[in-house]
Amino acid sequence: METKIVICQGSSCFSRGNKQNLAVIQNYLKNNNLMADVSFKGQLCSNKCDVSPIIIINGEIFTEMDEPKTLKILAAHFKK
């Protein structure tokens, strides 16, 4: 089953850390040979600016994301 990752690129999310989280996700997918298993896209706004930055994985919304949280969630999701 393909994993769907959506990263909010609205101004609040992007300025609060999703610029860095974007690089973290891309590096994680590349380093773990997961690019072919993931649909990865950005969206303009998740309408949850008060708990930004937002990352959505298979419809589950993760809030107040930073690099450690992003790596922890990716590792848990893709554990073998």
N, C-alpha and C. Protein backbone atom coordinates (compact mmCIF):
# COMPACT_ATOMS: atom_id res chain seq x y z
N MET A 1 0.84 -1.18 0.00
CA MET A 1 0.00 0.00 0.00
C MET A 1 0.89 1.25 0.00
N GLU A 2 0.58 2.16 -0.87
CA GLU A 2 1.35 3.40 -0.97
C GLU A 2 1.03 4.32 0.20
N THR A 3 2.05 4.91 0.78
CA THR A 3 1.89 5.89 1.84
C THR A 3 1.71 7.26 1.20
N LYS A 4 0.74 8.03 1.71
CA LYS A 4 0.50 9.38 1.20
C LYS A 4 0.91 10.39 2.26
N ILE A 5 1.90 11.21 1.90
CA ILE A 5 2.39 12.25 2.80
C ILE A 5 2.08 13.61 2.18
N VAL A 6 1.44 14.46 2.97
CA VAL A 6 1.13 15.82 2.54
C VAL A 6 1.76 16.76 3.56
N ILE A 7 2.50 17.72 3.08
CA ILE A 7 3.13 18.71 3.95
C ILE A 7 2.53 20.08 3.63
N CYS A 8 2.07 20.74 4.70
CA CYS A 8 1.48 22.06 4.50
C CYS A 8 2.57 23.06 4.17
N GLN A 9 2.33 23.83 3.13
CA GLN A 9 3.28 24.86 2.72
C GLN A 9 2.69 26.25 2.83
N GLY A 10 1.63 26.36 3.62
CA GLY A 10 1.08 27.68 3.91
C GLY A 10 2.11 28.52 4.64
N SER A 11 1.94 29.82 4.64
CA SER A 11 2.97 30.70 5.19
C SER A 11 3.28 30.41 6.66
N SER A 12 2.27 30.13 7.46
CA SER A 12 2.51 29.85 8.88
C SER A 12 3.29 28.55 9.06
N CYS A 13 2.85 27.49 8.42
CA CYS A 13 3.55 26.20 8.53
C CYS A 13 4.97 26.29 7.99
N PHE A 14 5.10 26.93 6.86
CA PHE A 14 6.42 26.97 6.22
C PHE A 14 7.40 27.79 7.06
N SER A 15 6.96 28.93 7.58
CA SER A 15 7.86 29.76 8.38
C SER A 15 8.14 29.18 9.76
N ARG A 16 7.25 28.32 10.25
CA ARG A 16 7.43 27.72 11.57
C ARG A 16 8.20 26.39 11.54
N GLY A 17 8.61 25.94 10.36
CA GLY A 17 9.45 24.75 10.36
C GLY A 17 9.24 23.77 9.24
N ASN A 18 8.17 23.90 8.46
CA ASN A 18 7.98 22.91 7.41
C ASN A 18 8.99 23.04 6.28
N LYS A 19 9.66 24.16 6.19
CA LYS A 19 10.76 24.26 5.21
C LYS A 19 11.83 23.22 5.58
N GLN A 20 12.17 23.16 6.87
CA GLN A 20 13.15 22.18 7.33
C GLN A 20 12.58 20.77 7.31
N ASN A 21 11.31 20.62 7.71
CA ASN A 21 10.67 19.30 7.72
C ASN A 21 10.60 18.71 6.32
N LEU A 22 10.40 19.54 5.32
CA LEU A 22 10.38 19.09 3.94
C LEU A 22 11.70 18.41 3.60
N ALA A 23 12.81 19.03 3.95
CA ALA A 23 14.13 18.44 3.68
C ALA A 23 14.32 17.16 4.48
N VAL A 24 13.86 17.14 5.72
CA VAL A 24 13.98 15.95 6.57
C VAL A 24 13.23 14.77 5.94
N ILE A 25 12.01 15.02 5.48
CA ILE A 25 11.20 13.95 4.87
C ILE A 25 11.86 13.47 3.58
N GLN A 26 12.27 14.39 2.73
CA GLN A 26 12.90 14.00 1.47
C GLN A 26 14.15 13.17 1.72
N ASN A 27 14.99 13.59 2.67
CA ASN A 27 16.20 12.83 2.99
C ASN A 27 15.87 11.46 3.57
N TYR A 28 14.88 11.40 4.44
CA TYR A 28 14.49 10.12 5.05
C TYR A 28 14.02 9.14 3.97
N LEU A 29 13.16 9.61 3.09
CA LEU A 29 12.65 8.73 2.03
C LEU A 29 13.77 8.26 1.11
N LYS A 30 14.65 9.17 0.74
CA LYS A 30 15.77 8.83 -0.14
C LYS A 30 16.72 7.86 0.55
N ASN A 31 17.11 8.15 1.78
CA ASN A 31 18.09 7.33 2.49
C ASN A 31 17.56 5.93 2.83
N ASN A 32 16.24 5.78 2.89
CA ASN A 32 15.64 4.49 3.21
C ASN A 32 15.00 3.82 2.00
N ASN A 33 15.33 4.32 0.82
CA ASN A 33 14.82 3.74 -0.43
C ASN A 33 13.30 3.59 -0.43
N LEU A 34 12.62 4.64 -0.02
CA LEU A 34 11.16 4.61 0.08
C LEU A 34 10.47 5.49 -0.96
N MET A 35 11.23 6.14 -1.81
CA MET A 35 10.63 7.09 -2.77
C MET A 35 9.55 6.44 -3.63
N ALA A 36 9.74 5.19 -4.03
CA ALA A 36 8.78 4.51 -4.90
C ALA A 36 7.52 4.11 -4.15
N ASP A 37 7.58 4.08 -2.81
CA ASP A 37 6.45 3.62 -2.00
C ASP A 37 5.60 4.75 -1.46
N VAL A 38 5.96 6.00 -1.80
CA VAL A 38 5.32 7.15 -1.19
C VAL A 38 4.84 8.15 -2.23
N SER A 39 3.63 8.64 -2.03
CA SER A 39 3.11 9.77 -2.77
C SER A 39 3.31 10.98 -1.86
N PHE A 40 4.15 11.91 -2.28
CA PHE A 40 4.55 13.03 -1.43
C PHE A 40 4.21 14.33 -2.14
N LYS A 41 3.40 15.17 -1.49
CA LYS A 41 3.04 16.44 -2.11
C LYS A 41 2.84 17.52 -1.07
N GLY A 42 2.82 18.74 -1.52
CA GLY A 42 2.55 19.88 -0.66
C GLY A 42 1.14 20.39 -0.91
N GLN A 43 0.61 21.11 0.06
CA GLN A 43 -0.67 21.79 -0.13
C GLN A 43 -0.54 23.20 0.42
N LEU A 44 -1.37 24.08 -0.07
CA LEU A 44 -1.22 25.49 0.26
C LEU A 44 -1.55 25.83 1.70
N CYS A 45 -2.60 25.26 2.27
CA CYS A 45 -2.94 25.57 3.65
C CYS A 45 -3.80 24.46 4.23
N SER A 46 -3.51 24.09 5.47
CA SER A 46 -4.28 23.05 6.16
C SER A 46 -5.33 23.64 7.09
N ASN A 47 -5.38 24.98 7.17
CA ASN A 47 -6.34 25.69 8.03
C ASN A 47 -6.22 25.31 9.50
N LYS A 48 -5.00 25.03 9.93
CA LYS A 48 -4.73 24.73 11.33
C LYS A 48 -3.49 25.51 11.78
N CYS A 49 -3.47 26.78 11.45
CA CYS A 49 -2.28 27.62 11.69
C CYS A 49 -1.91 27.68 13.16
N ASP A 50 -2.88 27.55 14.06
CA ASP A 50 -2.59 27.65 15.48
C ASP A 50 -1.78 26.48 16.02
N VAL A 51 -1.72 25.37 15.28
CA VAL A 51 -0.94 24.20 15.71
C VAL A 51 0.06 23.80 14.64
N SER A 52 0.48 24.77 13.84
CA SER A 52 1.42 24.49 12.76
C SER A 52 2.82 24.29 13.33
N PRO A 53 3.70 23.68 12.55
CA PRO A 53 3.53 23.16 11.20
C PRO A 53 2.82 21.80 11.18
N ILE A 54 2.14 21.55 10.07
CA ILE A 54 1.30 20.37 9.88
C ILE A 54 1.92 19.43 8.85
N ILE A 55 1.89 18.14 9.17
CA ILE A 55 2.22 17.08 8.21
C ILE A 55 1.11 16.05 8.30
N ILE A 56 0.65 15.56 7.16
CA ILE A 56 -0.43 14.57 7.12
C ILE A 56 0.11 13.30 6.48
N ILE A 57 -0.06 12.18 7.18
CA ILE A 57 0.36 10.88 6.64
C ILE A 57 -0.86 9.98 6.61
N ASN A 58 -1.22 9.56 5.40
CA ASN A 58 -2.40 8.71 5.18
C ASN A 58 -3.63 9.26 5.89
N GLY A 59 -3.82 10.57 5.82
CA GLY A 59 -5.00 11.21 6.38
C GLY A 59 -4.88 11.57 7.86
N GLU A 60 -3.86 11.08 8.56
CA GLU A 60 -3.67 11.41 9.97
C GLU A 60 -2.87 12.70 10.06
N ILE A 61 -3.40 13.66 10.80
CA ILE A 61 -2.79 14.98 10.92
C ILE A 61 -1.85 15.01 12.12
N PHE A 62 -0.62 15.44 11.86
CA PHE A 62 0.37 15.61 12.92
C PHE A 62 0.65 17.10 13.05
N THR A 63 0.62 17.60 14.27
CA THR A 63 0.73 19.04 14.52
C THR A 63 2.02 19.39 15.23
N GLU A 64 2.36 20.67 15.15
CA GLU A 64 3.53 21.23 15.83
C GLU A 64 4.78 20.41 15.55
N MET A 65 4.98 20.13 14.27
CA MET A 65 6.08 19.26 13.85
C MET A 65 7.42 19.98 13.83
N ASP A 66 8.44 19.25 14.26
CA ASP A 66 9.81 19.70 14.16
C ASP A 66 10.63 18.50 13.68
N GLU A 67 11.93 18.67 13.52
CA GLU A 67 12.74 17.59 12.97
C GLU A 67 12.68 16.31 13.82
N PRO A 68 12.87 16.38 15.15
CA PRO A 68 12.81 15.13 15.93
C PRO A 68 11.45 14.43 15.85
N LYS A 69 10.35 15.20 15.92
CA LYS A 69 9.02 14.58 15.83
C LYS A 69 8.80 13.97 14.45
N THR A 70 9.24 14.67 13.42
CA THR A 70 9.08 14.18 12.05
C THR A 70 9.82 12.86 11.87
N LEU A 71 11.06 12.80 12.32
CA LEU A 71 11.84 11.57 12.20
C LEU A 71 11.23 10.43 13.01
N LYS A 72 10.74 10.72 14.20
CA LYS A 72 10.12 9.70 15.04
C LYS A 72 8.86 9.13 14.38
N ILE A 73 8.03 10.00 13.81
CA ILE A 73 6.79 9.55 13.17
C ILE A 73 7.11 8.75 11.90
N LEU A 74 8.07 9.20 11.12
CA LEU A 74 8.45 8.46 9.91
C LEU A 74 9.00 7.09 10.27
N ALA A 75 9.85 7.02 11.28
CA ALA A 75 10.43 5.74 11.71
C ALA A 75 9.34 4.79 12.19
N ALA A 76 8.38 5.30 12.95
CA ALA A 76 7.29 4.46 13.44
C ALA A 76 6.40 3.99 12.29
N HIS A 77 6.13 4.88 11.35
CA HIS A 77 5.26 4.52 10.22
C HIS A 77 5.90 3.48 9.31
N PHE A 78 7.19 3.62 9.07
CA PHE A 78 7.86 2.74 8.10
C PHE A 78 8.62 1.58 8.75
N LYS A 79 8.41 1.37 10.06
CA LYS A 79 9.13 0.27 10.70
C LYS A 79 8.76 -1.04 10.04
N LYS A 80 9.72 -1.90 9.99
CA LYS A 80 9.51 -3.17 9.27
C LYS A 80 9.01 -4.24 10.21
